[in-house]
Amino acid sequence: MKIYKETFTVETEAGKATYVDITPQLRDIVKKSGIENGLLAMISPHTTCAIFFEEFVHDYTDEGDEFLQVDLNHVLEKIIPDHTSADTYIYPGEEHYKCVEAWPNAAEYLPDGDRRALWNGDSHLKATLIGSSQLVDVTAGDLGVGSTGYFYFVDYDKTRERVRKCQVTVFGE
């Protein structure tokens, strides 16, 4: 059995959940791996990010968001409302605030010491619900999915823009 690993990054936006189509990167990784038949595992090591499989949608809002992603956001907001105040969720608690404030790079997470920058409890819950990984078949040196199936990496944390990692492992023959 052969194993091939690669990590790539995605850039996210502030102020909205950021969805990134990672299907082209995954197809490229399968080709580079030289594996014809096996499995591809993808994972986000970030606790506010998720990876999911969905149909590609050809329709976009005026803001450039795919219709199914907007619908998913609406559904998630109904069951997991945005974290808009210290009373929305019990997370983060006082101990978490103190821990983050003690980090050497605390200013990155708490600009000007503003604790509201940690109000992303909804992001953690949404990512937990959707899931941080996917496993897909590799057949004949390509992803074993139909022509409309795409993989998306999403960061639900709206507090700031970031560069996020997606870790991929392909294994097989």
C-alpha atoms as a PDB file:
ATOM      1  CA  MET A   1       0.000   0.000   0.000  1.00  0.00           C
ATOM      2  CA  LYS A   2       1.160   3.507  -0.833  1.00  0.00           C
ATOM      3  CA  ILE A   3       0.465   6.648   1.256  1.00  0.00           C
ATOM      4  CA  TYR A   4       0.685  10.255   0.057  1.00  0.00           C
ATOM      5  CA  LYS A   5       0.125  13.307   2.291  1.00  0.00           C
ATOM      6  CA  GLU A   6      -0.261  16.973   1.452  1.00  0.00           C
ATOM      7  CA  THR A   7      -1.519  20.100   3.187  1.00  0.00           C
ATOM      8  CA  PHE A   8      -2.872  23.156   1.408  1.00  0.00           C
ATOM      9  CA  THR A   9      -4.313  26.420   2.662  1.00  0.00           C
ATOM     10  CA  VAL A  10      -7.528  28.344   2.091  1.00  0.00           C
ATOM     11  CA  GLU A  11      -8.152  32.000   2.833  1.00  0.00           C
ATOM     12  CA  THR A  12     -11.279  33.009   4.720  1.00  0.00           C
ATOM     13  CA  GLU A  13     -13.151  36.307   4.999  1.00  0.00           C
ATOM     14  CA  ALA A  14     -14.273  38.298   8.017  1.00  0.00           C
ATOM     15  CA  GLY A  15     -17.968  38.959   8.581  1.00  0.00           C
ATOM     16  CA  LYS A  16     -19.399  35.821   6.947  1.00  0.00           C
ATOM     17  CA  ALA A  17     -19.053  32.072   6.784  1.00  0.00           C
ATOM     18  CA  THR A  18     -16.501  31.386   4.052  1.00  0.00           C
ATOM     19  CA  TYR A  19     -17.066  28.439   1.714  1.00  0.00           C
ATOM     20  CA  VAL A  20     -14.239  27.285  -0.548  1.00  0.00           C
ATOM     21  CA  ASP A  21     -14.583  24.672  -3.292  1.00  0.00           C
ATOM     22  CA  ILE A  22     -11.587  22.394  -2.660  1.00  0.00           C
ATOM     23  CA  THR A  23     -12.460  19.808  -5.325  1.00  0.00           C
ATOM     24  CA  PRO A  24      -9.757  20.956  -7.798  1.00  0.00           C
ATOM     25  CA  GLN A  25      -7.045  20.717  -5.122  1.00  0.00           C
ATOM     26  CA  LEU A  26      -8.232  17.225  -4.154  1.00  0.00           C
ATOM     27  CA  ARG A  27      -8.195  16.020  -7.764  1.00  0.00           C
ATOM     28  CA  ASP A  28      -4.686  17.431  -8.177  1.00  0.00           C
ATOM     29  CA  ILE A  29      -3.495  15.698  -5.010  1.00  0.00           C
ATOM     30  CA  VAL A  30      -4.871  12.356  -6.235  1.00  0.00           C
ATOM     31  CA  LYS A  31      -2.963  12.781  -9.521  1.00  0.00           C
ATOM     32  CA  LYS A  32       0.269  13.697  -7.707  1.00  0.00           C
ATOM     33  CA  SER A  33      -0.122  10.699  -5.400  1.00  0.00           C
ATOM     34  CA  GLY A  34       0.013   8.234  -8.294  1.00  0.00           C
ATOM     35  CA  ILE A  35      -2.595   6.140  -6.476  1.00  0.00           C
ATOM     36  CA  GLU A  36      -5.140   4.594  -8.829  1.00  0.00           C
ATOM     37  CA  ASN A  37      -7.454   2.859  -6.354  1.00  0.00           C
ATOM     38  CA  GLY A  38      -7.894   3.595  -2.676  1.00  0.00           C
ATOM     39  CA  LEU A  39      -9.215   6.309  -0.399  1.00  0.00           C
ATOM     40  CA  LEU A  40      -8.675  10.022   0.154  1.00  0.00           C
ATOM     41  CA  ALA A  41      -9.133  11.453   3.636  1.00  0.00           C
ATOM     42  CA  MET A  42      -9.397  15.199   4.174  1.00  0.00           C
ATOM     43  CA  ILE A  43      -9.491  16.965   7.525  1.00  0.00           C
ATOM     44  CA  SER A  44      -9.528  20.455   8.929  1.00  0.00           C
ATOM     45  CA  PRO A  45      -7.436  20.821  12.090  1.00  0.00           C
ATOM     46  CA  HIS A  46      -9.402  23.978  12.988  1.00  0.00           C
ATOM     47  CA  THR A  47     -12.305  23.821  15.442  1.00  0.00           C
ATOM     48  CA  THR A  48     -14.486  26.357  13.629  1.00  0.00           C
ATOM     49  CA  CYS A  49     -14.048  24.768  10.195  1.00  0.00           C
ATOM     50  CA  ALA A  50     -15.879  21.920   8.493  1.00  0.00           C
ATOM     51  CA  ILE A  51     -15.618  19.910   5.281  1.00  0.00           C
ATOM     52  CA  PHE A  52     -18.663  18.580   3.467  1.00  0.00           C
ATOM     53  CA  PHE A  53     -19.772  17.018   0.181  1.00  0.00           C
ATOM     54  CA  GLU A  54     -22.544  18.733  -1.758  1.00  0.00           C
ATOM     55  CA  GLU A  55     -23.874  19.302  -5.230  1.00  0.00           C
ATOM     56  CA  PHE A  56     -22.279  22.183  -7.121  1.00  0.00           C
ATOM     57  CA  VAL A  57     -24.820  24.941  -7.569  1.00  0.00           C
ATOM     58  CA  HIS A  58     -24.777  27.144 -10.643  1.00  0.00           C
ATOM     59  CA  ASP A  59     -26.766  29.942  -9.027  1.00  0.00           C
ATOM     60  CA  TYR A  60     -25.242  32.678  -6.886  1.00  0.00           C
ATOM     61  CA  THR A  61     -26.542  35.557  -4.804  1.00  0.00           C
ATOM     62  CA  ASP A  62     -25.479  39.116  -5.643  1.00  0.00           C
ATOM     63  CA  GLU A  63     -22.793  38.679  -2.941  1.00  0.00           C
ATOM     64  CA  GLY A  64     -21.336  35.690  -4.825  1.00  0.00           C
ATOM     65  CA  ASP A  65     -22.579  32.944  -2.500  1.00  0.00           C
ATOM     66  CA  GLU A  66     -23.951  29.657  -3.864  1.00  0.00           C
ATOM     67  CA  PHE A  67     -27.665  29.153  -3.214  1.00  0.00           C
ATOM     68  CA  LEU A  68     -27.247  25.861  -1.286  1.00  0.00           C
ATOM     69  CA  GLN A  69     -24.645  27.461   0.970  1.00  0.00           C
ATOM     70  CA  VAL A  70     -26.988  30.360   1.715  1.00  0.00           C
ATOM     71  CA  ASP A  71     -29.749  27.844   2.460  1.00  0.00           C
ATOM     72  CA  LEU A  72     -27.387  25.888   4.727  1.00  0.00           C
ATOM     73  CA  ASN A  73     -26.474  29.088   6.564  1.00  0.00           C
ATOM     74  CA  HIS A  74     -30.163  29.883   7.091  1.00  0.00           C
ATOM     75  CA  VAL A  75     -30.892  26.403   8.458  1.00  0.00           C
ATOM     76  CA  LEU A  76     -27.864  26.480  10.766  1.00  0.00           C
ATOM     77  CA  GLU A  77     -28.774  29.957  12.043  1.00  0.00           C
ATOM     78  CA  LYS A  78     -32.221  28.650  13.022  1.00  0.00           C
ATOM     79  CA  ILE A  79     -30.755  25.899  15.198  1.00  0.00           C
ATOM     80  CA  ILE A  80     -27.484  27.636  16.163  1.00  0.00           C
ATOM     81  CA  PRO A  81     -28.005  31.422  16.276  1.00  0.00           C
ATOM     82  CA  ASP A  82     -25.078  33.781  15.729  1.00  0.00           C
ATOM     83  CA  HIS A  83     -23.020  34.586  18.821  1.00  0.00           C
ATOM     84  CA  THR A  84     -23.947  38.258  19.235  1.00  0.00           C
ATOM     85  CA  SER A  85     -23.593  38.827  22.983  1.00  0.00           C
ATOM     86  CA  ALA A  86     -22.038  37.374  26.108  1.00  0.00           C
ATOM     87  CA  ASP A  87     -25.498  35.961  26.891  1.00  0.00           C
ATOM     88  CA  THR A  88     -25.968  34.040  23.626  1.00  0.00           C
ATOM     89  CA  TYR A  89     -23.829  31.093  24.788  1.00  0.00           C
ATOM     90  CA  ILE A  90     -22.004  30.217  27.997  1.00  0.00           C
ATOM     91  CA  TYR A  91     -18.831  29.786  25.906  1.00  0.00           C
ATOM     92  CA  PRO A  92     -16.346  31.321  26.291  1.00  0.00           C
ATOM     93  CA  GLY A  93     -16.188  31.280  30.058  1.00  0.00           C
ATOM     94  CA  GLU A  94     -13.983  33.336  32.327  1.00  0.00           C
ATOM     95  CA  GLU A  95     -11.237  30.702  32.450  1.00  0.00           C
ATOM     96  CA  HIS A  96     -11.040  30.602  28.637  1.00  0.00           C
ATOM     97  CA  TYR A  97     -10.805  34.393  28.455  1.00  0.00           C
ATOM     98  CA  LYS A  98      -7.973  34.345  31.031  1.00  0.00           C
ATOM     99  CA  CYS A  99      -6.140  31.590  29.164  1.00  0.00           C
ATOM    100  CA  VAL A 100      -6.306  33.429  25.819  1.00  0.00           C
ATOM    101  CA  GLU A 101      -5.288  36.713  27.481  1.00  0.00           C
ATOM    102  CA  ALA A 102      -2.133  34.950  28.745  1.00  0.00           C
ATOM    103  CA  TRP A 103      -1.050  33.725  25.289  1.00  0.00           C
ATOM    104  CA  PRO A 104       2.055  35.419  23.844  1.00  0.00           C
ATOM    105  CA  ASN A 105       0.009  36.308  20.731  1.00  0.00           C
ATOM    106  CA  ALA A 106      -3.137  37.338  22.651  1.00  0.00           C
ATOM    107  CA  ALA A 107      -3.473  40.558  20.618  1.00  0.00           C
ATOM    108  CA  GLU A 108      -4.079  38.440  17.511  1.00  0.00           C
ATOM    109  CA  TYR A 109      -7.137  36.878  19.170  1.00  0.00           C
ATOM    110  CA  LEU A 110      -8.193  39.862  21.295  1.00  0.00           C
ATOM    111  CA  PRO A 111      -7.503  43.073  19.350  1.00  0.00           C
ATOM    112  CA  ASP A 112      -7.290  45.949  21.839  1.00  0.00           C
ATOM    113  CA  GLY A 113      -8.166  43.429  24.575  1.00  0.00           C
ATOM    114  CA  ASP A 114     -11.757  43.203  23.281  1.00  0.00           C
ATOM    115  CA  ARG A 115     -13.249  39.956  24.576  1.00  0.00           C
ATOM    116  CA  ARG A 116     -16.037  40.130  21.976  1.00  0.00           C
ATOM    117  CA  ALA A 117     -13.488  38.841  19.473  1.00  0.00           C
ATOM    118  CA  LEU A 118     -13.953  35.411  21.113  1.00  0.00           C
ATOM    119  CA  TRP A 119     -17.710  35.372  20.576  1.00  0.00           C
ATOM    120  CA  ASN A 120     -17.605  32.517  18.091  1.00  0.00           C
ATOM    121  CA  GLY A 121     -19.413  29.803  20.027  1.00  0.00           C
ATOM    122  CA  ASP A 122     -21.815  29.424  17.112  1.00  0.00           C
ATOM    123  CA  SER A 123     -18.883  28.723  14.784  1.00  0.00           C
ATOM    124  CA  HIS A 124     -17.620  25.895  16.970  1.00  0.00           C
ATOM    125  CA  LEU A 125     -21.090  24.350  17.211  1.00  0.00           C
ATOM    126  CA  LYS A 126     -21.787  24.619  13.460  1.00  0.00           C
ATOM    127  CA  ALA A 127     -18.430  23.034  12.600  1.00  0.00           C
ATOM    128  CA  THR A 128     -19.075  20.251  15.112  1.00  0.00           C
ATOM    129  CA  LEU A 129     -22.489  19.574  13.587  1.00  0.00           C
ATOM    130  CA  ILE A 130     -21.231  19.493   9.973  1.00  0.00           C
ATOM    131  CA  GLY A 131     -17.980  17.650  10.747  1.00  0.00           C
ATOM    132  CA  SER A 132     -14.310  18.348  10.201  1.00  0.00           C
ATOM    133  CA  SER A 133     -13.460  15.508   7.819  1.00  0.00           C
ATOM    134  CA  GLN A 134     -14.552  13.521   4.808  1.00  0.00           C
ATOM    135  CA  LEU A 135     -13.475  10.218   3.261  1.00  0.00           C
ATOM    136  CA  VAL A 136     -13.927   9.533  -0.438  1.00  0.00           C
ATOM    137  CA  ASP A 137     -13.213   6.659  -2.798  1.00  0.00           C
ATOM    138  CA  VAL A 138     -10.390   6.955  -5.323  1.00  0.00           C
ATOM    139  CA  THR A 139     -11.031   4.995  -8.519  1.00  0.00           C
ATOM    140  CA  ALA A 140      -8.950   5.030 -11.695  1.00  0.00           C
ATOM    141  CA  GLY A 141      -6.771   7.841 -10.331  1.00  0.00           C
ATOM    142  CA  ASP A 142      -9.665  10.234  -9.650  1.00  0.00           C
ATOM    143  CA  LEU A 143     -12.223  11.039  -6.986  1.00  0.00           C
ATOM    144  CA  GLY A 144     -15.011   8.455  -6.996  1.00  0.00           C
ATOM    145  CA  VAL A 145     -17.830  10.993  -7.197  1.00  0.00           C
ATOM    146  CA  GLY A 146     -20.352  12.027  -9.814  1.00  0.00           C
ATOM    147  CA  SER A 147     -20.008  15.093 -12.016  1.00  0.00           C
ATOM    148  CA  THR A 148     -22.076  17.335  -9.716  1.00  0.00           C
ATOM    149  CA  GLY A 149     -20.478  16.309  -6.414  1.00  0.00           C
ATOM    150  CA  TYR A 150     -18.059  18.858  -4.944  1.00  0.00           C
ATOM    151  CA  PHE A 151     -16.163  19.154  -1.667  1.00  0.00           C
ATOM    152  CA  TYR A 152     -16.296  22.370   0.307  1.00  0.00           C
ATOM    153  CA  PHE A 153     -14.140  23.668   3.128  1.00  0.00           C
ATOM    154  CA  VAL A 154     -16.032  26.155   5.296  1.00  0.00           C
ATOM    155  CA  ASP A 155     -14.915  28.407   8.117  1.00  0.00           C
ATOM    156  CA  TYR A 156     -17.922  29.440  10.209  1.00  0.00           C
ATOM    157  CA  ASP A 157     -15.862  31.874  12.307  1.00  0.00           C
ATOM    158  CA  LYS A 158     -16.804  35.363  11.124  1.00  0.00           C
ATOM    159  CA  THR A 159     -14.636  37.266  13.617  1.00  0.00           C
ATOM    160  CA  ARG A 160     -11.669  37.841  11.285  1.00  0.00           C
ATOM    161  CA  GLU A 161     -10.052  36.693   8.043  1.00  0.00           C
ATOM    162  CA  ARG A 162      -7.540  33.886   8.293  1.00  0.00           C
ATOM    163  CA  VAL A 163      -5.441  31.386   6.413  1.00  0.00           C
ATOM    164  CA  ARG A 164      -6.661  27.863   7.210  1.00  0.00           C
ATOM    165  CA  LYS A 165      -5.174  24.427   6.516  1.00  0.00           C
ATOM    166  CA  CYS A 166      -6.703  21.371   4.897  1.00  0.00           C
ATOM    167  CA  GLN A 167      -4.777  18.151   5.460  1.00  0.00           C
ATOM    168  CA  VAL A 168      -5.136  15.375   2.888  1.00  0.00           C
ATOM    169  CA  THR A 169      -3.989  11.764   2.912  1.00  0.00           C
ATOM    170  CA  VAL A 170      -4.383   9.438  -0.075  1.00  0.00           C
ATOM    171  CA  PHE A 171      -3.753   5.760   0.465  1.00  0.00           C
ATOM    172  CA  GLY A 172      -4.119   2.729  -1.745  1.00  0.00           C
ATOM    173  CA  GLU A 173      -2.540   1.044  -4.748  1.00  0.00           C
END
